[in-house]
């Protein structure tokens, strides 16, 4: 049975990562709305695509232990991660993200949500500019395992490195 959550120690604070809930999917959708995400993307490539948005994405994906998702201050968390998260921990969090949220499924959900939002905003039916590969029927059978095989060689045992808590 695969893990359903990961913990990370960053700047003497403990953060938890679980599968995305609807509110987080909406937040991630807004963050990546203008980024074309390839089907078989590695964690490193995803980090490169996000660029300076990476801390914002990490703030969406991680929650301080004991804090409800709706109560998070995303700007404050992103700033905390900009200042204190090392790249190794960032890669582990992105690996965890893809492990908990299979990429094809997540991309399809994001693309579907964005299509719905665009239709609602424009009132149009066929003038959307999403690429055909994002939501093709041939992708729906994938479980996202391709990404797991290309994931970073870092080990995960429920707790990641980074600037971890006092020990």
N, C-alpha and C. Protein backbone atom coordinates (compact mmCIF):
# COMPACT_ATOMS: atom_id res chain seq x y z
N UNK A 1 0.84 -1.18 0.00
CA UNK A 1 0.00 0.00 0.00
C UNK A 1 0.88 1.25 0.00
N UNK A 2 0.58 2.19 -0.90
CA UNK A 2 1.37 3.41 -0.99
C UNK A 2 1.02 4.37 0.12
N UNK A 3 1.98 5.21 0.46
CA UNK A 3 1.77 6.23 1.47
C UNK A 3 0.72 7.23 1.01
N UNK A 4 -0.06 7.73 1.94
CA UNK A 4 -1.08 8.72 1.64
C UNK A 4 -0.71 10.10 2.15
N UNK A 5 0.45 10.23 2.78
CA UNK A 5 0.91 11.54 3.23
C UNK A 5 2.42 11.50 3.47
N UNK A 6 3.02 12.69 3.41
CA UNK A 6 4.45 12.84 3.66
C UNK A 6 4.63 14.01 4.62
N UNK A 7 5.70 13.94 5.41
CA UNK A 7 6.03 15.02 6.33
C UNK A 7 7.39 15.60 5.96
N UNK A 8 7.52 16.92 6.14
CA UNK A 8 8.76 17.61 5.82
C UNK A 8 9.07 18.58 6.95
N UNK A 9 10.31 18.60 7.39
CA UNK A 9 10.76 19.57 8.37
C UNK A 9 11.46 20.72 7.66
N UNK A 10 10.93 21.92 7.83
CA UNK A 10 11.49 23.10 7.17
C UNK A 10 11.55 24.23 8.19
N UNK A 11 12.75 24.73 8.43
CA UNK A 11 12.95 25.84 9.37
C UNK A 11 12.32 25.56 10.73
N UNK A 12 12.59 24.41 11.27
CA UNK A 12 12.10 24.01 12.60
C UNK A 12 10.58 23.89 12.68
N UNK A 13 9.92 23.74 11.54
CA UNK A 13 8.46 23.55 11.51
C UNK A 13 8.16 22.29 10.72
N UNK A 14 7.09 21.61 11.09
CA UNK A 14 6.70 20.38 10.42
C UNK A 14 5.51 20.66 9.50
N UNK A 15 5.65 20.19 8.25
CA UNK A 15 4.61 20.36 7.23
C UNK A 15 4.17 18.99 6.76
N UNK A 16 2.91 18.90 6.34
CA UNK A 16 2.36 17.64 5.87
C UNK A 16 1.83 17.82 4.45
N UNK A 17 1.96 16.76 3.66
CA UNK A 17 1.45 16.75 2.30
C UNK A 17 0.55 15.55 2.13
N UNK A 18 -0.65 15.81 1.68
CA UNK A 18 -1.64 14.76 1.42
C UNK A 18 -2.16 14.91 -0.01
N UNK A 19 -2.95 13.95 -0.50
CA UNK A 19 -3.56 14.14 -1.82
C UNK A 19 -4.35 15.45 -1.85
N UNK A 20 -4.33 16.10 -3.01
CA UNK A 20 -5.04 17.37 -3.14
C UNK A 20 -6.53 17.22 -2.89
N UNK A 21 -7.09 18.25 -2.30
CA UNK A 21 -8.54 18.34 -2.16
C UNK A 21 -9.02 19.39 -3.17
N UNK A 22 -10.32 19.52 -3.34
CA UNK A 22 -10.87 20.38 -4.38
C UNK A 22 -10.38 21.82 -4.29
N UNK A 23 -10.29 22.37 -3.09
CA UNK A 23 -9.82 23.73 -2.94
C UNK A 23 -8.39 23.91 -3.43
N UNK A 24 -7.55 22.93 -3.16
CA UNK A 24 -6.16 22.99 -3.62
C UNK A 24 -6.07 22.84 -5.13
N UNK A 25 -6.92 22.00 -5.70
CA UNK A 25 -6.93 21.83 -7.16
C UNK A 25 -7.27 23.16 -7.82
N UNK A 26 -8.22 23.87 -7.26
CA UNK A 26 -8.59 25.18 -7.78
C UNK A 26 -7.42 26.15 -7.68
N UNK A 27 -6.72 26.14 -6.56
CA UNK A 27 -5.57 27.04 -6.36
C UNK A 27 -4.44 26.71 -7.34
N UNK A 28 -4.15 25.43 -7.51
CA UNK A 28 -3.10 25.01 -8.44
C UNK A 28 -3.51 25.37 -9.87
N UNK A 29 -4.79 25.18 -10.20
CA UNK A 29 -5.28 25.52 -11.55
C UNK A 29 -5.00 26.98 -11.87
N UNK A 30 -5.29 27.86 -10.93
CA UNK A 30 -5.04 29.29 -11.15
C UNK A 30 -3.56 29.57 -11.31
N UNK A 31 -2.75 28.88 -10.54
CA UNK A 31 -1.30 29.11 -10.57
C UNK A 31 -0.67 28.69 -11.89
N UNK A 32 -1.14 27.58 -12.48
CA UNK A 32 -0.51 27.04 -13.69
C UNK A 32 -1.35 27.25 -14.95
N UNK A 33 -2.34 28.11 -14.89
CA UNK A 33 -3.27 28.25 -16.01
C UNK A 33 -2.60 28.61 -17.33
N UNK A 34 -1.50 29.31 -17.31
CA UNK A 34 -0.85 29.70 -18.56
C UNK A 34 0.41 28.88 -18.87
N UNK A 35 0.56 27.75 -18.18
CA UNK A 35 1.71 26.87 -18.40
C UNK A 35 1.21 25.59 -19.08
N UNK A 36 1.83 25.22 -20.18
CA UNK A 36 1.49 23.96 -20.83
C UNK A 36 2.32 22.86 -20.18
N UNK A 37 1.63 21.90 -19.57
CA UNK A 37 2.31 20.83 -18.83
C UNK A 37 2.30 19.56 -19.69
N UNK A 38 3.49 19.09 -20.10
CA UNK A 38 3.56 17.86 -20.90
C UNK A 38 3.06 16.65 -20.13
N UNK A 39 2.66 15.63 -20.87
CA UNK A 39 2.10 14.43 -20.25
C UNK A 39 3.10 13.71 -19.36
N UNK A 40 4.28 13.47 -19.83
CA UNK A 40 5.27 12.69 -19.07
C UNK A 40 6.37 13.61 -18.55
N UNK A 41 6.03 14.43 -17.58
CA UNK A 41 6.98 15.41 -17.06
C UNK A 41 7.65 14.88 -15.80
N UNK A 42 8.92 15.16 -15.67
CA UNK A 42 9.65 14.76 -14.47
C UNK A 42 9.50 15.85 -13.41
N UNK A 43 9.85 15.52 -12.20
CA UNK A 43 9.80 16.50 -11.11
C UNK A 43 10.71 17.69 -11.42
N UNK A 44 11.90 17.42 -11.91
CA UNK A 44 12.85 18.49 -12.22
C UNK A 44 12.29 19.40 -13.32
N UNK A 45 11.69 18.80 -14.35
CA UNK A 45 11.11 19.60 -15.43
C UNK A 45 9.94 20.44 -14.93
N UNK A 46 9.13 19.87 -14.04
CA UNK A 46 8.00 20.60 -13.48
C UNK A 46 8.49 21.80 -12.67
N UNK A 47 9.55 21.59 -11.91
CA UNK A 47 10.14 22.68 -11.14
C UNK A 47 10.63 23.79 -12.08
N UNK A 48 11.26 23.39 -13.17
CA UNK A 48 11.73 24.38 -14.15
C UNK A 48 10.56 25.12 -14.80
N UNK A 49 9.48 24.42 -15.12
CA UNK A 49 8.31 25.07 -15.69
C UNK A 49 7.70 26.09 -14.73
N UNK A 50 7.65 25.74 -13.46
CA UNK A 50 7.07 26.66 -12.47
C UNK A 50 7.94 27.89 -12.25
N UNK A 51 9.25 27.71 -12.35
CA UNK A 51 10.16 28.84 -12.17
C UNK A 51 9.95 29.51 -10.83
N UNK A 52 9.75 30.84 -10.85
CA UNK A 52 9.60 31.57 -9.60
C UNK A 52 8.24 31.36 -8.93
N UNK A 53 7.38 30.57 -9.55
CA UNK A 53 6.09 30.21 -8.93
C UNK A 53 6.21 28.98 -8.02
N UNK A 54 7.38 28.35 -8.02
CA UNK A 54 7.57 27.12 -7.23
C UNK A 54 7.18 27.30 -5.77
N UNK A 55 7.65 28.33 -5.07
CA UNK A 55 7.26 28.47 -3.66
C UNK A 55 5.74 28.60 -3.48
N UNK A 56 5.07 29.24 -4.43
CA UNK A 56 3.61 29.36 -4.35
C UNK A 56 2.94 28.00 -4.50
N UNK A 57 3.47 27.17 -5.42
CA UNK A 57 2.93 25.83 -5.60
C UNK A 57 3.17 24.98 -4.36
N UNK A 58 4.35 25.11 -3.77
CA UNK A 58 4.67 24.35 -2.57
C UNK A 58 3.78 24.78 -1.41
N UNK A 59 3.46 26.07 -1.34
CA UNK A 59 2.56 26.57 -0.28
C UNK A 59 1.16 25.96 -0.43
N UNK A 60 0.75 25.69 -1.65
CA UNK A 60 -0.54 25.05 -1.88
C UNK A 60 -0.48 23.58 -1.50
N UNK A 61 0.61 22.92 -1.85
CA UNK A 61 0.75 21.47 -1.64
C UNK A 61 0.99 21.09 -0.18
N UNK A 62 1.69 21.94 0.57
CA UNK A 62 2.04 21.63 1.96
C UNK A 62 1.17 22.42 2.93
N UNK A 63 0.94 21.82 4.09
CA UNK A 63 0.22 22.51 5.17
C UNK A 63 1.00 22.33 6.47
N UNK A 64 1.09 23.41 7.25
CA UNK A 64 1.70 23.23 8.57
C UNK A 64 0.87 22.23 9.37
N UNK A 65 1.53 21.37 10.13
CA UNK A 65 0.81 20.39 10.93
C UNK A 65 -0.14 21.13 11.86
N UNK A 66 -1.38 20.67 11.90
CA UNK A 66 -2.39 21.25 12.77
C UNK A 66 -3.15 22.43 12.17
N UNK A 67 -2.81 22.84 10.94
CA UNK A 67 -3.49 23.97 10.31
C UNK A 67 -4.39 23.43 9.19
N UNK A 68 -5.64 23.82 9.21
CA UNK A 68 -6.56 23.40 8.16
C UNK A 68 -6.19 24.07 6.84
N UNK A 69 -6.44 23.39 5.75
CA UNK A 69 -6.09 23.90 4.43
C UNK A 69 -6.71 25.27 4.20
N UNK A 70 -7.96 25.45 4.57
CA UNK A 70 -8.64 26.73 4.33
C UNK A 70 -8.09 27.86 5.21
N UNK A 71 -7.36 27.52 6.26
CA UNK A 71 -6.82 28.53 7.17
C UNK A 71 -5.38 28.91 6.85
N UNK A 72 -4.79 28.32 5.81
CA UNK A 72 -3.40 28.61 5.47
C UNK A 72 -3.28 30.02 4.88
N UNK A 73 -2.19 30.68 5.19
CA UNK A 73 -1.85 31.95 4.55
C UNK A 73 -0.83 31.61 3.47
N UNK A 74 -1.30 31.48 2.23
CA UNK A 74 -0.43 31.02 1.14
C UNK A 74 0.74 31.96 0.88
N UNK A 75 0.50 33.26 0.96
CA UNK A 75 1.59 34.21 0.72
C UNK A 75 2.68 34.07 1.79
N UNK A 76 2.26 33.92 3.02
CA UNK A 76 3.21 33.76 4.13
C UNK A 76 4.00 32.46 3.99
N UNK A 77 3.31 31.37 3.64
CA UNK A 77 3.99 30.08 3.46
C UNK A 77 4.98 30.15 2.29
N UNK A 78 4.56 30.74 1.18
CA UNK A 78 5.44 30.84 0.02
C UNK A 78 6.70 31.63 0.39
N UNK A 79 6.53 32.69 1.14
CA UNK A 79 7.69 33.48 1.57
C UNK A 79 8.60 32.66 2.49
N UNK A 80 8.01 31.89 3.38
CA UNK A 80 8.78 31.01 4.27
C UNK A 80 9.60 30.02 3.45
N UNK A 81 8.99 29.44 2.42
CA UNK A 81 9.69 28.46 1.59
C UNK A 81 10.76 29.12 0.73
N UNK A 82 10.50 30.33 0.24
CA UNK A 82 11.52 31.05 -0.53
C UNK A 82 12.79 31.25 0.32
N UNK A 83 12.58 31.52 1.57
CA UNK A 83 13.69 31.83 2.45
C UNK A 83 14.37 30.59 3.05
N UNK A 84 13.61 29.52 3.27
CA UNK A 84 14.16 28.42 4.06
C UNK A 84 14.18 27.03 3.40
N UNK A 85 13.50 26.83 2.29
CA UNK A 85 13.46 25.48 1.69
C UNK A 85 14.61 25.32 0.71
N UNK A 86 15.37 24.24 0.88
CA UNK A 86 16.44 23.94 -0.07
C UNK A 86 15.87 23.19 -1.27
N UNK A 87 16.65 23.14 -2.34
CA UNK A 87 16.16 22.53 -3.59
C UNK A 87 15.91 21.04 -3.43
N UNK A 88 16.71 20.35 -2.61
CA UNK A 88 16.51 18.91 -2.41
C UNK A 88 15.12 18.65 -1.80
N UNK A 89 14.75 19.45 -0.82
CA UNK A 89 13.44 19.29 -0.21
C UNK A 89 12.34 19.65 -1.20
N UNK A 90 12.56 20.70 -2.00
CA UNK A 90 11.58 21.09 -3.01
C UNK A 90 11.33 19.94 -3.99
N UNK A 91 12.41 19.27 -4.41
CA UNK A 91 12.27 18.13 -5.33
C UNK A 91 11.50 17.00 -4.64
N UNK A 92 11.78 16.74 -3.38
CA UNK A 92 11.07 15.69 -2.64
C UNK A 92 9.58 16.02 -2.53
N UNK A 93 9.25 17.29 -2.31
CA UNK A 93 7.84 17.69 -2.22
C UNK A 93 7.15 17.49 -3.57
N UNK A 94 7.82 17.87 -4.65
CA UNK A 94 7.24 17.69 -5.99
C UNK A 94 7.10 16.20 -6.29
N UNK A 95 8.10 15.39 -5.93
CA UNK A 95 7.98 13.93 -6.09
C UNK A 95 6.77 13.42 -5.30
N UNK A 96 6.63 13.89 -4.08
CA UNK A 96 5.49 13.49 -3.25
C UNK A 96 4.17 13.91 -3.87
N UNK A 97 4.15 15.12 -4.44
CA UNK A 97 2.96 15.61 -5.12
C UNK A 97 2.52 14.64 -6.21
N UNK A 98 3.48 14.24 -7.07
CA UNK A 98 3.15 13.34 -8.16
C UNK A 98 2.82 11.93 -7.68
N UNK A 99 3.41 11.51 -6.58
CA UNK A 99 3.11 10.22 -6.00
C UNK A 99 1.68 10.19 -5.45
N UNK A 100 1.29 11.27 -4.81
CA UNK A 100 -0.05 11.35 -4.20
C UNK A 100 -1.13 11.72 -5.21
N UNK A 101 -0.74 12.38 -6.29
CA UNK A 101 -1.69 12.88 -7.30
C UNK A 101 -1.17 12.51 -8.68
N UNK A 102 -1.53 11.33 -9.20
CA UNK A 102 -1.01 10.91 -10.51
C UNK A 102 -1.17 12.01 -11.56
N UNK A 103 -0.09 12.29 -12.28
CA UNK A 103 -0.03 13.45 -13.16
C UNK A 103 -1.09 13.47 -14.25
N UNK A 104 -1.30 12.38 -14.94
CA UNK A 104 -2.28 12.40 -16.02
C UNK A 104 -3.65 12.73 -15.44
N UNK A 105 -3.98 12.13 -14.34
CA UNK A 105 -5.25 12.40 -13.69
C UNK A 105 -5.32 13.87 -13.27
N UNK A 106 -4.25 14.38 -12.68
CA UNK A 106 -4.24 15.77 -12.23
C UNK A 106 -4.33 16.73 -13.41
N UNK A 107 -3.56 16.48 -14.47
CA UNK A 107 -3.59 17.35 -15.64
C UNK A 107 -4.98 17.33 -16.27
N UNK A 108 -5.58 16.14 -16.37
CA UNK A 108 -6.93 16.06 -16.93
C UNK A 108 -7.92 16.85 -16.09
N UNK A 109 -7.80 16.73 -14.77
CA UNK A 109 -8.70 17.46 -13.89
C UNK A 109 -8.50 18.96 -14.03
N UNK A 110 -7.23 19.38 -14.06
CA UNK A 110 -6.93 20.80 -14.20
C UNK A 110 -7.43 21.33 -15.55
N UNK A 111 -7.17 20.57 -16.61
CA UNK A 111 -7.62 21.00 -17.94
C UNK A 111 -9.14 21.06 -18.00
N UNK A 112 -9.80 20.09 -17.42
CA UNK A 112 -11.27 20.09 -17.40
C UNK A 112 -11.83 21.27 -16.63
N UNK A 113 -11.21 21.55 -15.48
CA UNK A 113 -11.66 22.70 -14.68
C UNK A 113 -11.44 24.00 -15.42
N UNK A 114 -10.28 24.13 -16.08
CA UNK A 114 -9.98 25.36 -16.80
C UNK A 114 -10.93 25.52 -17.99
N UNK A 115 -11.26 24.45 -18.67
CA UNK A 115 -12.20 24.51 -19.77
C UNK A 115 -13.56 24.99 -19.27
N UNK A 116 -14.00 24.45 -18.16
CA UNK A 116 -15.28 24.85 -17.57
C UNK A 116 -15.26 26.33 -17.19
N UNK A 117 -14.18 26.75 -16.56
CA UNK A 117 -14.06 28.15 -16.14
C UNK A 117 -14.04 29.07 -17.36
N UNK A 118 -13.26 28.71 -18.38
CA UNK A 118 -13.18 29.54 -19.59
C UNK A 118 -14.54 29.63 -20.28
N UNK A 119 -15.25 28.51 -20.35
CA UNK A 119 -16.58 28.53 -20.97
C UNK A 119 -17.51 29.45 -20.20
N UNK A 120 -17.46 29.34 -18.89
CA UNK A 120 -18.34 30.17 -18.05
C UNK A 120 -18.00 31.65 -18.22
N UNK A 121 -16.71 31.96 -18.32
CA UNK A 121 -16.28 33.35 -18.42
C UNK A 121 -16.56 33.94 -19.79
N UNK A 122 -16.37 33.16 -20.84
CA UNK A 122 -16.53 33.69 -22.20
C UNK A 122 -17.91 33.43 -22.77
N UNK A 123 -18.60 32.46 -22.22
CA UNK A 123 -19.92 32.11 -22.75
C UNK A 123 -19.82 31.41 -24.09
N UNK A 124 -18.62 31.03 -24.50
CA UNK A 124 -18.44 30.38 -25.80
C UNK A 124 -18.45 28.87 -25.64
N UNK A 125 -18.58 28.20 -26.78
CA UNK A 125 -18.64 26.73 -26.74
C UNK A 125 -17.42 26.07 -27.34
N UNK A 126 -16.82 26.63 -28.35
CA UNK A 126 -15.74 25.92 -29.02
C UNK A 126 -14.49 26.73 -29.25
N UNK A 127 -14.40 27.91 -28.66
CA UNK A 127 -13.26 28.77 -28.96
C UNK A 127 -12.14 28.66 -27.93
N UNK A 128 -12.07 27.56 -27.24
CA UNK A 128 -11.04 27.39 -26.23
C UNK A 128 -9.74 26.97 -26.88
N UNK A 129 -8.64 27.39 -26.29
CA UNK A 129 -7.34 27.11 -26.89
C UNK A 129 -6.52 26.12 -26.08
N UNK A 130 -7.13 25.04 -25.63
CA UNK A 130 -6.34 24.03 -24.94
C UNK A 130 -5.79 23.06 -25.97
N UNK A 131 -4.63 22.50 -25.67
CA UNK A 131 -4.03 21.59 -26.62
C UNK A 131 -4.76 20.26 -26.58
N UNK A 132 -4.92 19.58 -27.72
CA UNK A 132 -5.67 18.33 -27.75
C UNK A 132 -5.05 17.24 -26.92
N UNK A 133 -3.75 17.26 -26.69
CA UNK A 133 -3.09 16.21 -25.92
C UNK A 133 -3.41 16.26 -24.44
N UNK A 134 -3.86 17.41 -23.94
CA UNK A 134 -4.09 17.53 -22.51
C UNK A 134 -5.24 16.66 -22.02
N UNK A 135 -6.27 16.50 -22.83
CA UNK A 135 -7.45 15.80 -22.34
C UNK A 135 -7.90 14.68 -23.27
N UNK A 136 -7.01 14.15 -24.07
CA UNK A 136 -7.42 13.13 -25.01
C UNK A 136 -7.90 11.87 -24.31
N UNK A 137 -8.81 11.19 -24.93
CA UNK A 137 -9.37 9.97 -24.36
C UNK A 137 -8.30 8.90 -24.19
N UNK A 138 -7.27 8.90 -25.03
CA UNK A 138 -6.25 7.85 -24.92
C UNK A 138 -5.45 7.96 -23.64
N UNK A 139 -5.49 9.11 -22.97
CA UNK A 139 -4.71 9.27 -21.75
C UNK A 139 -5.44 8.79 -20.52
N UNK A 140 -6.74 8.61 -20.59
CA UNK A 140 -7.50 8.33 -19.38
C UNK A 140 -7.17 6.99 -18.75
N UNK A 141 -6.56 6.08 -19.47
CA UNK A 141 -6.26 4.78 -18.90
C UNK A 141 -4.97 4.76 -18.09
N UNK A 142 -4.18 5.80 -18.18
CA UNK A 142 -2.90 5.83 -17.48
C UNK A 142 -3.08 6.07 -15.99
N UNK A 143 -2.22 5.49 -15.21
CA UNK A 143 -2.28 5.69 -13.77
C UNK A 143 -1.21 6.65 -13.29
N UNK A 144 -0.44 7.21 -14.20
CA UNK A 144 0.60 8.14 -13.80
C UNK A 144 1.89 7.46 -13.40
N UNK A 145 2.01 6.16 -13.61
CA UNK A 145 3.19 5.44 -13.17
C UNK A 145 4.45 5.89 -13.90
N UNK A 146 4.33 6.40 -15.11
CA UNK A 146 5.51 6.81 -15.86
C UNK A 146 6.34 7.80 -15.06
N UNK A 147 5.70 8.76 -14.43
CA UNK A 147 6.42 9.76 -13.68
C UNK A 147 7.16 9.15 -12.51
N UNK A 148 6.52 8.21 -11.82
CA UNK A 148 7.15 7.59 -10.67
C UNK A 148 8.47 6.94 -11.07
N UNK A 149 8.53 6.34 -12.25
CA UNK A 149 9.74 5.67 -12.69
C UNK A 149 10.86 6.67 -12.94
N UNK A 150 10.50 7.91 -13.31
CA UNK A 150 11.53 8.88 -13.62
C UNK A 150 11.77 9.84 -12.45
N UNK A 151 11.22 9.51 -11.30
CA UNK A 151 11.34 10.40 -10.15
C UNK A 151 12.77 10.45 -9.64
N UNK A 152 13.04 11.46 -8.87
CA UNK A 152 14.36 11.69 -8.29
C UNK A 152 14.80 10.49 -7.44
N UNK A 153 16.09 10.21 -7.38
CA UNK A 153 16.56 9.05 -6.60
C UNK A 153 16.55 9.28 -5.10
N UNK A 154 16.00 10.39 -4.64
CA UNK A 154 15.97 10.62 -3.19
C UNK A 154 15.05 9.60 -2.53
N UNK A 155 15.39 9.24 -1.32
CA UNK A 155 14.57 8.26 -0.62
C UNK A 155 13.56 8.98 0.24
N UNK A 156 12.39 8.38 0.39
CA UNK A 156 11.35 8.94 1.22
C UNK A 156 10.96 7.90 2.24
N UNK A 157 11.04 8.26 3.48
CA UNK A 157 10.63 7.34 4.53
C UNK A 157 9.66 8.06 5.46
N UNK A 158 8.81 8.89 4.86
CA UNK A 158 7.81 9.59 5.65
C UNK A 158 8.31 10.92 6.16
N UNK A 159 9.63 11.18 6.06
CA UNK A 159 10.16 12.45 6.53
C UNK A 159 11.27 12.85 5.57
N UNK A 160 11.17 14.06 5.06
CA UNK A 160 12.18 14.53 4.13
C UNK A 160 13.20 15.39 4.84
N UNK A 161 14.28 15.60 4.17
CA UNK A 161 15.39 16.37 4.72
C UNK A 161 15.11 17.84 4.80
N UNK A 162 15.84 18.62 4.06
CA UNK A 162 15.67 20.06 4.10
C UNK A 162 16.23 20.63 5.39
N UNK A 163 15.76 21.79 5.73
CA UNK A 163 16.20 22.44 6.96
C UNK A 163 15.34 21.89 8.07
N UNK A 164 15.58 20.69 8.45
CA UNK A 164 14.65 19.98 9.34
C UNK A 164 14.72 20.45 10.78
N UNK A 165 13.71 20.02 11.51
CA UNK A 165 13.54 20.43 12.89
C UNK A 165 14.71 20.00 13.75
N UNK A 166 14.80 20.64 14.90
CA UNK A 166 15.89 20.34 15.84
C UNK A 166 15.90 18.88 16.21
N UNK A 167 17.05 18.34 16.36
CA UNK A 167 17.06 16.92 16.64
C UNK A 167 17.91 16.57 17.76
